Amino acid sequence: MNIGIVGLGLMGGSLGLALKKMTTEYHIIGYDHNSTHQKEARLLNLVDEISQNFESIKKCDVIILAIPVDAIIKTLQTLTDISPNTTVIDFGSSKAKIDESIPPSIRHNVVTAHPMTGTEKFGPTAAIEGLYENKTMVVCNPEKSGELQNDIALKLFEDIHANVLFMDAKEHDRHAAFISHMPHAVSYAIANSVMEQEDSSNIVALAGGGFRSMSRIAQSSPNMWEDIFRQNKENLLESIESFNKEMHYCEQLIQEERWDELHQWMLKANTLHDIL
């Protein structure tokens, strides 16, 4: 089975590694508009070969779109001439806009998925083995995809040892806003609030593990996250509003020296770790 991976960064590269490690029944063909990424992906053995021609990718049995969400939408518009038996899987971090943008003639070809994994690094050199193992793979609206396409996608996800969870695309986007998109916005804000200080270099010199953990994802690609924020704007704004309310409440408790209530507020937050 020929699998074309479009986008050879962290997600696409790690998928290539996983499939090459788990089974020998797949031939992995990589495609990336960045020539440096092409060379790195081949040197790192993330794929079996690199294609310079997107038309050859369209002839693959499976096409994986591991590119920014706006690029996924644009690419889907170019796939209207693929075989009825082709399986297209997108790995976008927001789903509703992607789902709505799929041309009707190929809707059965497409399985919309979101692997709930990743790091703040990007590019082929960020690819790591085991990125998908025991991680949640959200599959949205499988009833809109063909039976063959669902079967092939689920087999691939099983081969990389991901745990599949089915969800409506709009439901996914609301949940993702709170557990993924808003935390990225907060991390960017933390980083910028420190950089705005006159003595930011001294602050950074004192930074311990807690600060580094909270600001780590502020290293994430602005190109990718700008697209995600744009596509999931309404849900993101709702999650930011919820966060701002909690921050305002914390500020109020400190200003009014309501230490017992502050302590209880912190205890409530502790329970999230138990849930996780």
C-alpha atoms as a PDB file:
ATOM      1  CA  MET A   1       0.000   0.000   0.000  1.00  0.00           C
ATOM      2  CA  ASN A   2       1.439   3.368  -1.042  1.00  0.00           C
ATOM      3  CA  ILE A   3       1.007   6.055   1.595  1.00  0.00           C
ATOM      4  CA  GLY A   4       1.695   9.666   0.651  1.00  0.00           C
ATOM      5  CA  ILE A   5       2.503  11.950   3.578  1.00  0.00           C
ATOM      6  CA  VAL A   6       2.068  15.627   2.755  1.00  0.00           C
ATOM      7  CA  GLY A   7       4.076  17.662   5.245  1.00  0.00           C
ATOM      8  CA  LEU A   8       7.244  16.150   6.697  1.00  0.00           C
ATOM      9  CA  GLY A   9       7.448  17.983  10.010  1.00  0.00           C
ATOM     10  CA  LEU A  10       6.863  16.671  13.517  1.00  0.00           C
ATOM     11  CA  MET A  11       3.514  14.985  12.804  1.00  0.00           C
ATOM     12  CA  GLY A  12       4.156  13.721   9.278  1.00  0.00           C
ATOM     13  CA  GLY A  13       7.731  12.693   9.977  1.00  0.00           C
ATOM     14  CA  SER A  14       6.812  10.872  13.171  1.00  0.00           C
ATOM     15  CA  LEU A  15       4.022   9.076  11.328  1.00  0.00           C
ATOM     16  CA  GLY A  16       6.478   7.914   8.686  1.00  0.00           C
ATOM     17  CA  LEU A  17       8.794   6.607  11.400  1.00  0.00           C
ATOM     18  CA  ALA A  18       5.941   4.808  13.137  1.00  0.00           C
ATOM     19  CA  LEU A  19       4.614   3.118  10.016  1.00  0.00           C
ATOM     20  CA  LYS A  20       8.078   2.050   8.855  1.00  0.00           C
ATOM     21  CA  LYS A  21       8.789   0.599  12.296  1.00  0.00           C
ATOM     22  CA  MET A  22       5.481  -1.181  12.828  1.00  0.00           C
ATOM     23  CA  THR A  23       4.997  -2.952   9.506  1.00  0.00           C
ATOM     24  CA  THR A  24       6.549  -3.675   6.126  1.00  0.00           C
ATOM     25  CA  GLU A  25       3.301  -3.586   4.165  1.00  0.00           C
ATOM     26  CA  TYR A  26       3.430   0.167   3.550  1.00  0.00           C
ATOM     27  CA  HIS A  27       5.586   2.160   1.127  1.00  0.00           C
ATOM     28  CA  ILE A  28       5.922   5.711   2.420  1.00  0.00           C
ATOM     29  CA  ILE A  29       6.199   8.557  -0.095  1.00  0.00           C
ATOM     30  CA  GLY A  30       6.912  12.002   1.335  1.00  0.00           C
ATOM     31  CA  TYR A  31       5.940  15.372  -0.125  1.00  0.00           C
ATOM     32  CA  ASP A  32       6.915  18.806   1.211  1.00  0.00           C
ATOM     33  CA  HIS A  33       7.188  22.174  -0.544  1.00  0.00           C
ATOM     34  CA  ASN A  34      10.312  22.942   1.536  1.00  0.00           C
ATOM     35  CA  SER A  35      13.382  21.490  -0.206  1.00  0.00           C
ATOM     36  CA  THR A  36      15.361  21.458   3.057  1.00  0.00           C
ATOM     37  CA  HIS A  37      12.626  19.415   4.693  1.00  0.00           C
ATOM     38  CA  GLN A  38      12.745  16.988   1.781  1.00  0.00           C
ATOM     39  CA  LYS A  39      16.477  16.409   2.229  1.00  0.00           C
ATOM     40  CA  GLU A  40      16.232  16.115   6.016  1.00  0.00           C
ATOM     41  CA  ALA A  41      13.319  13.660   5.838  1.00  0.00           C
ATOM     42  CA  ARG A  42      15.268  11.403   3.488  1.00  0.00           C
ATOM     43  CA  LEU A  43      18.473  11.594   5.526  1.00  0.00           C
ATOM     44  CA  LEU A  44      16.551  10.785   8.701  1.00  0.00           C
ATOM     45  CA  ASN A  45      14.827   7.860   6.953  1.00  0.00           C
ATOM     46  CA  LEU A  46      11.375   9.203   7.760  1.00  0.00           C
ATOM     47  CA  VAL A  47      10.061   8.064   4.381  1.00  0.00           C
ATOM     48  CA  ASP A  48      11.011   5.552   1.693  1.00  0.00           C
ATOM     49  CA  GLU A  49      11.135   8.144  -1.047  1.00  0.00           C
ATOM     50  CA  ILE A  50      10.466  11.806  -1.770  1.00  0.00           C
ATOM     51  CA  SER A  51       8.118  12.906  -4.522  1.00  0.00           C
ATOM     52  CA  GLN A  52       8.595  16.249  -6.267  1.00  0.00           C
ATOM     53  CA  ASN A  53       5.234  15.900  -8.005  1.00  0.00           C
ATOM     54  CA  PHE A  54       1.959  16.273  -6.130  1.00  0.00           C
ATOM     55  CA  GLU A  55       0.135  14.470  -8.943  1.00  0.00           C
ATOM     56  CA  SER A  56       1.987  11.290  -7.974  1.00  0.00           C
ATOM     57  CA  ILE A  57       0.837  11.741  -4.366  1.00  0.00           C
ATOM     58  CA  LYS A  58      -2.757  11.869  -5.613  1.00  0.00           C
ATOM     59  CA  LYS A  59      -2.282   8.344  -7.011  1.00  0.00           C
ATOM     60  CA  CYS A  60      -1.363   6.887  -3.598  1.00  0.00           C
ATOM     61  CA  ASP A  61      -3.740   4.512  -1.835  1.00  0.00           C
ATOM     62  CA  VAL A  62      -3.661   6.729   1.262  1.00  0.00           C
ATOM     63  CA  ILE A  63      -2.896  10.460   1.472  1.00  0.00           C
ATOM     64  CA  ILE A  64      -2.067  11.934   4.889  1.00  0.00           C
ATOM     65  CA  LEU A  65      -2.356  15.723   5.229  1.00  0.00           C
ATOM     66  CA  ALA A  66       0.009  16.673   8.061  1.00  0.00           C
ATOM     67  CA  ILE A  67       0.164  20.378   7.239  1.00  0.00           C
ATOM     68  CA  PRO A  68      -1.274  23.586   8.781  1.00  0.00           C
ATOM     69  CA  VAL A  69      -5.066  23.704   8.885  1.00  0.00           C
ATOM     70  CA  ASP A  70      -5.477  26.448   6.253  1.00  0.00           C
ATOM     71  CA  ALA A  71      -3.234  24.466   3.903  1.00  0.00           C
ATOM     72  CA  ILE A  72      -5.361  21.355   4.525  1.00  0.00           C
ATOM     73  CA  ILE A  73      -8.455  23.200   3.327  1.00  0.00           C
ATOM     74  CA  LYS A  74      -6.670  24.448   0.187  1.00  0.00           C
ATOM     75  CA  THR A  75      -5.213  21.022  -0.568  1.00  0.00           C
ATOM     76  CA  LEU A  76      -8.573  19.264  -0.228  1.00  0.00           C
ATOM     77  CA  GLN A  77      -9.913  21.423  -3.066  1.00  0.00           C
ATOM     78  CA  THR A  78      -7.255  19.968  -5.385  1.00  0.00           C
ATOM     79  CA  LEU A  79      -8.137  16.321  -4.699  1.00  0.00           C
ATOM     80  CA  THR A  80     -11.448  16.116  -6.579  1.00  0.00           C
ATOM     81  CA  ASP A  81      -9.915  13.874  -9.241  1.00  0.00           C
ATOM     82  CA  ILE A  82      -8.628  11.124  -6.917  1.00  0.00           C
ATOM     83  CA  SER A  83      -9.832   7.535  -7.158  1.00  0.00           C
ATOM     84  CA  PRO A  84     -13.080   6.667  -5.319  1.00  0.00           C
ATOM     85  CA  ASN A  85     -11.029   4.109  -3.374  1.00  0.00           C
ATOM     86  CA  THR A  86      -8.389   6.559  -2.167  1.00  0.00           C
ATOM     87  CA  THR A  87      -8.299   7.317   1.557  1.00  0.00           C
ATOM     88  CA  VAL A  88      -7.446  10.872   2.622  1.00  0.00           C
ATOM     89  CA  ILE A  89      -6.709  11.495   6.305  1.00  0.00           C
ATOM     90  CA  ASP A  90      -6.163  14.995   7.636  1.00  0.00           C
ATOM     91  CA  PHE A  91      -4.350  15.641  10.924  1.00  0.00           C
ATOM     92  CA  GLY A  92      -5.645  19.175  11.496  1.00  0.00           C
ATOM     93  CA  SER A  93      -5.933  20.524  15.048  1.00  0.00           C
ATOM     94  CA  SER A  94      -9.329  22.111  14.347  1.00  0.00           C
ATOM     95  CA  LYS A  95     -11.974  20.077  12.590  1.00  0.00           C
ATOM     96  CA  ALA A  96     -15.271  21.866  11.887  1.00  0.00           C
ATOM     97  CA  LYS A  97     -14.001  24.274   9.201  1.00  0.00           C
ATOM     98  CA  ILE A  98     -12.061  21.438   7.554  1.00  0.00           C
ATOM     99  CA  ASP A  99     -15.135  19.180   7.617  1.00  0.00           C
ATOM    100  CA  GLU A 100     -17.266  21.909   6.048  1.00  0.00           C
ATOM    101  CA  SER A 101     -14.695  22.608   3.322  1.00  0.00           C
ATOM    102  CA  ILE A 102     -14.407  19.072   1.906  1.00  0.00           C
ATOM    103  CA  PRO A 103     -15.742  18.989  -1.676  1.00  0.00           C
ATOM    104  CA  PRO A 104     -18.939  16.858  -1.709  1.00  0.00           C
ATOM    105  CA  SER A 105     -17.609  14.652  -4.523  1.00  0.00           C
ATOM    106  CA  ILE A 106     -14.804  13.331  -2.300  1.00  0.00           C
ATOM    107  CA  ARG A 107     -16.476  13.498   1.126  1.00  0.00           C
ATOM    108  CA  HIS A 108     -16.531   9.706   1.383  1.00  0.00           C
ATOM    109  CA  ASN A 109     -12.767   9.650   0.685  1.00  0.00           C
ATOM    110  CA  VAL A 110     -11.867  11.770   3.689  1.00  0.00           C
ATOM    111  CA  VAL A 111     -11.382  10.746   7.311  1.00  0.00           C
ATOM    112  CA  THR A 112     -10.920  13.791   9.536  1.00  0.00           C
ATOM    113  CA  ALA A 113      -8.665  13.065  12.508  1.00  0.00           C
ATOM    114  CA  HIS A 114      -6.684  14.861  15.184  1.00  0.00           C
ATOM    115  CA  PRO A 115      -3.816  13.135  16.996  1.00  0.00           C
ATOM    116  CA  MET A 116      -3.745  14.553  20.528  1.00  0.00           C
ATOM    117  CA  THR A 117       0.026  14.567  20.770  1.00  0.00           C
ATOM    118  CA  GLY A 118       2.993  16.680  19.772  1.00  0.00           C
ATOM    119  CA  THR A 119       5.792  18.875  21.033  1.00  0.00           C
ATOM    120  CA  GLU A 120       6.695  22.532  20.656  1.00  0.00           C
ATOM    121  CA  LYS A 121       9.306  21.630  18.019  1.00  0.00           C
ATOM    122  CA  PHE A 122       8.708  21.502  14.294  1.00  0.00           C
ATOM    123  CA  GLY A 123      10.342  20.372  11.069  1.00  0.00           C
ATOM    124  CA  PRO A 124      11.663  16.899  10.109  1.00  0.00           C
ATOM    125  CA  THR A 125      14.348  16.976  12.804  1.00  0.00           C
ATOM    126  CA  ALA A 126      11.548  17.162  15.408  1.00  0.00           C
ATOM    127  CA  ALA A 127      10.163  13.761  14.345  1.00  0.00           C
ATOM    128  CA  ILE A 128      10.381  11.150  17.100  1.00  0.00           C
ATOM    129  CA  GLU A 129       9.629   7.469  17.410  1.00  0.00           C
ATOM    130  CA  GLY A 130       6.581   6.549  19.438  1.00  0.00           C
ATOM    131  CA  LEU A 131       4.916   9.965  19.168  1.00  0.00           C
ATOM    132  CA  TYR A 132       1.512   8.332  18.607  1.00  0.00           C
ATOM    133  CA  GLU A 133       1.821   5.331  20.907  1.00  0.00           C
ATOM    134  CA  ASN A 134      -0.981   5.243  23.500  1.00  0.00           C
ATOM    135  CA  LYS A 135      -2.056   8.748  22.483  1.00  0.00           C
ATOM    136  CA  THR A 136      -5.646   9.656  21.629  1.00  0.00           C
ATOM    137  CA  MET A 137      -6.545   9.863  17.948  1.00  0.00           C
ATOM    138  CA  VAL A 138      -9.831  11.729  17.599  1.00  0.00           C
ATOM    139  CA  VAL A 139     -11.803  10.681  14.515  1.00  0.00           C
ATOM    140  CA  CYS A 140     -14.605  13.105  13.693  1.00  0.00           C
ATOM    141  CA  ASN A 141     -17.909  12.269  12.005  1.00  0.00           C
ATOM    142  CA  PRO A 142     -16.948   8.804  10.686  1.00  0.00           C
ATOM    143  CA  GLU A 143     -20.484   8.401   9.331  1.00  0.00           C
ATOM    144  CA  LYS A 144     -19.555  10.872   6.575  1.00  0.00           C
ATOM    145  CA  SER A 145     -16.615   8.734   5.428  1.00  0.00           C
ATOM    146  CA  GLY A 146     -16.775   5.604   3.314  1.00  0.00           C
ATOM    147  CA  GLU A 147     -16.641   2.167   4.920  1.00  0.00           C
ATOM    148  CA  LEU A 148     -13.399   1.335   3.103  1.00  0.00           C
ATOM    149  CA  GLN A 149     -11.818   4.619   4.143  1.00  0.00           C
ATOM    150  CA  ASN A 150     -12.814   4.179   7.789  1.00  0.00           C
ATOM    151  CA  ASP A 151     -11.439   0.636   7.808  1.00  0.00           C
ATOM    152  CA  ILE A 152      -8.106   1.695   6.324  1.00  0.00           C
ATOM    153  CA  ALA A 153      -7.740   4.678   8.672  1.00  0.00           C
ATOM    154  CA  LEU A 154      -8.543   2.606  11.754  1.00  0.00           C
ATOM    155  CA  LYS A 155      -6.034  -0.054  10.642  1.00  0.00           C
ATOM    156  CA  LEU A 156      -3.331   2.628  10.301  1.00  0.00           C
ATOM    157  CA  PHE A 157      -4.148   4.039  13.726  1.00  0.00           C
ATOM    158  CA  GLU A 158      -4.017   0.555  15.196  1.00  0.00           C
ATOM    159  CA  ASP A 159      -0.618  -0.029  13.594  1.00  0.00           C
ATOM    160  CA  ILE A 160       0.841   3.085  15.252  1.00  0.00           C
ATOM    161  CA  HIS A 161      -0.763   2.047  18.574  1.00  0.00           C
ATOM    162  CA  ALA A 162      -3.002   5.115  18.885  1.00  0.00           C
ATOM    163  CA  ASN A 163      -6.230   5.030  20.916  1.00  0.00           C
ATOM    164  CA  VAL A 164      -9.197   6.045  18.744  1.00  0.00           C
ATOM    165  CA  LEU A 165     -11.966   8.283  20.097  1.00  0.00           C
ATOM    166  CA  PHE A 166     -14.963   9.231  17.936  1.00  0.00           C
ATOM    167  CA  MET A 167     -16.420  12.722  18.204  1.00  0.00           C
ATOM    168  CA  ASP A 168     -18.446  15.309  16.325  1.00  0.00           C
ATOM    169  CA  ALA A 169     -16.234  17.941  14.675  1.00  0.00           C
ATOM    170  CA  LYS A 170     -17.897  20.903  16.400  1.00  0.00           C
ATOM    171  CA  GLU A 171     -17.769  19.143  19.763  1.00  0.00           C
ATOM    172  CA  HIS A 172     -14.073  18.436  19.195  1.00  0.00           C
ATOM    173  CA  ASP A 173     -13.306  22.071  18.439  1.00  0.00           C
ATOM    174  CA  ARG A 174     -14.917  23.297  21.647  1.00  0.00           C
ATOM    175  CA  HIS A 175     -13.039  20.779  23.776  1.00  0.00           C
ATOM    176  CA  ALA A 176      -9.768  21.392  21.941  1.00  0.00           C
ATOM    177  CA  ALA A 177     -10.103  25.128  22.563  1.00  0.00           C
ATOM    178  CA  PHE A 178      -9.972  24.552  26.332  1.00  0.00           C
ATOM    179  CA  ILE A 179      -7.350  21.800  26.560  1.00  0.00           C
ATOM    180  CA  SER A 180      -5.022  22.784  23.708  1.00  0.00           C
ATOM    181  CA  HIS A 181      -5.669  26.068  21.940  1.00  0.00           C
ATOM    182  CA  MET A 182      -6.242  28.319  24.969  1.00  0.00           C
ATOM    183  CA  PRO A 183      -3.168  26.931  26.825  1.00  0.00           C
ATOM    184  CA  HIS A 184      -1.062  27.878  23.797  1.00  0.00           C
ATOM    185  CA  ALA A 185      -2.475  31.417  23.896  1.00  0.00           C
ATOM    186  CA  VAL A 186      -1.715  31.587  27.637  1.00  0.00           C
ATOM    187  CA  SER A 187       1.840  30.344  27.089  1.00  0.00           C
ATOM    188  CA  TYR A 188       2.449  32.988  24.427  1.00  0.00           C
ATOM    189  CA  ALA A 189       1.054  35.599  26.835  1.00  0.00           C
ATOM    190  CA  ILE A 190       3.316  34.436  29.683  1.00  0.00           C
ATOM    191  CA  ALA A 191       6.367  34.638  27.430  1.00  0.00           C
ATOM    192  CA  ASN A 192       5.460  38.106  26.166  1.00  0.00           C
ATOM    193  CA  SER A 193       4.659  39.422  29.656  1.00  0.00           C
ATOM    194  CA  VAL A 194       8.188  38.509  30.761  1.00  0.00           C
ATOM    195  CA  MET A 195       9.813  39.879  27.612  1.00  0.00           C
ATOM    196  CA  GLU A 196       8.039  43.215  28.168  1.00  0.00           C
ATOM    197  CA  GLN A 197       9.897  43.752  31.440  1.00  0.00           C
ATOM    198  CA  GLU A 198      12.992  45.977  31.420  1.00  0.00           C
ATOM    199  CA  ASP A 199      14.966  43.330  33.300  1.00  0.00           C
ATOM    200  CA  SER A 200      13.671  40.373  31.317  1.00  0.00           C
ATOM    201  CA  SER A 201      17.166  38.871  31.068  1.00  0.00           C
ATOM    202  CA  ASN A 202      17.410  38.715  34.862  1.00  0.00           C
ATOM    203  CA  ILE A 203      13.944  37.169  35.127  1.00  0.00           C
ATOM    204  CA  VAL A 204      14.855  34.499  32.607  1.00  0.00           C
ATOM    205  CA  ALA A 205      18.123  33.808  34.442  1.00  0.00           C
ATOM    206  CA  LEU A 206      16.082  32.966  37.548  1.00  0.00           C
ATOM    207  CA  ALA A 207      13.555  30.838  35.676  1.00  0.00           C
ATOM    208  CA  GLY A 208      13.009  27.435  37.206  1.00  0.00           C
ATOM    209  CA  GLY A 209      11.181  24.339  36.064  1.00  0.00           C
ATOM    210  CA  GLY A 210       7.712  25.771  36.621  1.00  0.00           C
ATOM    211  CA  PHE A 211       8.268  28.784  34.378  1.00  0.00           C
ATOM    212  CA  ARG A 212       9.986  26.702  31.743  1.00  0.00           C
ATOM    213  CA  SER A 213       7.074  24.223  31.705  1.00  0.00           C
ATOM    214  CA  MET A 214       4.464  26.964  31.386  1.00  0.00           C
ATOM    215  CA  SER A 215       6.329  28.850  28.661  1.00  0.00           C
ATOM    216  CA  ARG A 216       7.586  25.795  26.735  1.00  0.00           C
ATOM    217  CA  ILE A 217       4.780  25.692  24.194  1.00  0.00           C
ATOM    218  CA  ALA A 218       5.342  29.378  23.380  1.00  0.00           C
ATOM    219  CA  GLN A 219       8.127  27.993  21.161  1.00  0.00           C
ATOM    220  CA  SER A 220       5.461  26.453  18.899  1.00  0.00           C
ATOM    221  CA  SER A 221       5.243  27.539  15.265  1.00  0.00           C
ATOM    222  CA  PRO A 222       3.325  30.837  14.892  1.00  0.00           C
ATOM    223  CA  ASN A 223       2.476  29.870  11.302  1.00  0.00           C
ATOM    224  CA  MET A 224       0.625  26.772  12.464  1.00  0.00           C
ATOM    225  CA  TRP A 225      -1.041  28.277  15.521  1.00  0.00           C
ATOM    226  CA  GLU A 226      -2.214  31.454  13.807  1.00  0.00           C
ATOM    227  CA  ASP A 227      -4.173  29.225  11.420  1.00  0.00           C
ATOM    228  CA  ILE A 228      -5.630  27.182  14.294  1.00  0.00           C
ATOM    229  CA  PHE A 229      -6.638  30.304  16.228  1.00  0.00           C
ATOM    230  CA  ARG A 230      -8.320  31.689  13.100  1.00  0.00           C
ATOM    231  CA  GLN A 231     -10.249  28.508  12.333  1.00  0.00           C
ATOM    232  CA  ASN A 232     -11.404  27.975  15.910  1.00  0.00           C
ATOM    233  CA  LYS A 233     -11.894  31.643  16.763  1.00  0.00           C
ATOM    234  CA  GLU A 234     -15.269  31.494  18.547  1.00  0.00           C
ATOM    235  CA  ASN A 235     -14.402  28.541  20.790  1.00  0.00           C
ATOM    236  CA  LEU A 236     -10.980  30.010  21.549  1.00  0.00           C
ATOM    237  CA  LEU A 237     -12.491  33.339  22.583  1.00  0.00           C
ATOM    238  CA  GLU A 238     -14.905  31.508  24.897  1.00  0.00           C
ATOM    239  CA  SER A 239     -12.044  29.589  26.518  1.00  0.00           C
ATOM    240  CA  ILE A 240      -9.941  32.760  26.917  1.00  0.00           C
ATOM    241  CA  GLU A 241     -12.911  34.495  28.549  1.00  0.00           C
ATOM    242  CA  SER A 242     -13.235  31.601  30.988  1.00  0.00           C
ATOM    243  CA  PHE A 243      -9.520  31.792  31.780  1.00  0.00           C
ATOM    244  CA  ASN A 244      -9.703  35.567  32.266  1.00  0.00           C
ATOM    245  CA  LYS A 245     -12.544  35.128  34.765  1.00  0.00           C
ATOM    246  CA  GLU A 246     -10.410  32.735  36.811  1.00  0.00           C
ATOM    247  CA  MET A 247      -7.440  35.111  36.693  1.00  0.00           C
ATOM    248  CA  HIS A 248      -9.641  38.034  37.750  1.00  0.00           C
ATOM    249  CA  TYR A 249     -11.034  35.969  40.636  1.00  0.00           C
ATOM    250  CA  CYS A 250      -7.513  35.066  41.755  1.00  0.00           C
ATOM    251  CA  GLU A 251      -6.480  38.714  41.547  1.00  0.00           C
ATOM    252  CA  GLN A 252      -9.528  39.747  43.588  1.00  0.00           C
ATOM    253  CA  LEU A 253      -8.825  37.192  46.329  1.00  0.00           C
ATOM    254  CA  ILE A 254      -5.232  38.375  46.641  1.00  0.00           C
ATOM    255  CA  GLN A 255      -6.137  42.066  46.625  1.00  0.00           C
ATOM    256  CA  GLU A 256      -8.767  41.528  49.348  1.00  0.00           C
ATOM    257  CA  GLU A 257      -6.484  39.143  51.287  1.00  0.00           C
ATOM    258  CA  ARG A 258      -9.098  36.395  51.280  1.00  0.00           C
ATOM    259  CA  TRP A 259      -6.464  33.764  51.874  1.00  0.00           C
ATOM    260  CA  ASP A 260      -8.759  30.933  52.943  1.00  0.00           C
ATOM    261  CA  GLU A 261     -10.806  31.285  49.753  1.00  0.00           C
ATOM    262  CA  LEU A 262      -7.600  31.479  47.727  1.00  0.00           C
ATOM    263  CA  HIS A 263      -6.454  28.249  49.374  1.00  0.00           C
ATOM    264  CA  GLN A 264      -9.740  26.532  48.472  1.00  0.00           C
ATOM    265  CA  TRP A 265      -9.478  27.845  44.903  1.00  0.00           C
ATOM    266  CA  MET A 266      -6.033  26.261  44.629  1.00  0.00           C
ATOM    267  CA  LEU A 267      -7.266  22.974  46.130  1.00  0.00           C
ATOM    268  CA  LYS A 268     -10.008  22.816  43.518  1.00  0.00           C
ATOM    269  CA  ALA A 269      -7.375  23.204  40.802  1.00  0.00           C
ATOM    270  CA  ASN A 270      -5.356  20.344  42.326  1.00  0.00           C
ATOM    271  CA  THR A 271      -8.151  17.917  41.475  1.00  0.00           C
ATOM    272  CA  LEU A 272      -7.502  18.295  37.744  1.00  0.00           C
ATOM    273  CA  HIS A 273      -4.299  16.291  38.116  1.00  0.00           C
ATOM    274  CA  ASP A 274      -6.264  13.443  39.696  1.00  0.00           C
ATOM    275  CA  ILE A 275      -8.642  13.433  36.723  1.00  0.00           C
ATOM    276  CA  LEU A 276      -5.741  13.384  34.264  1.00  0.00           C
END
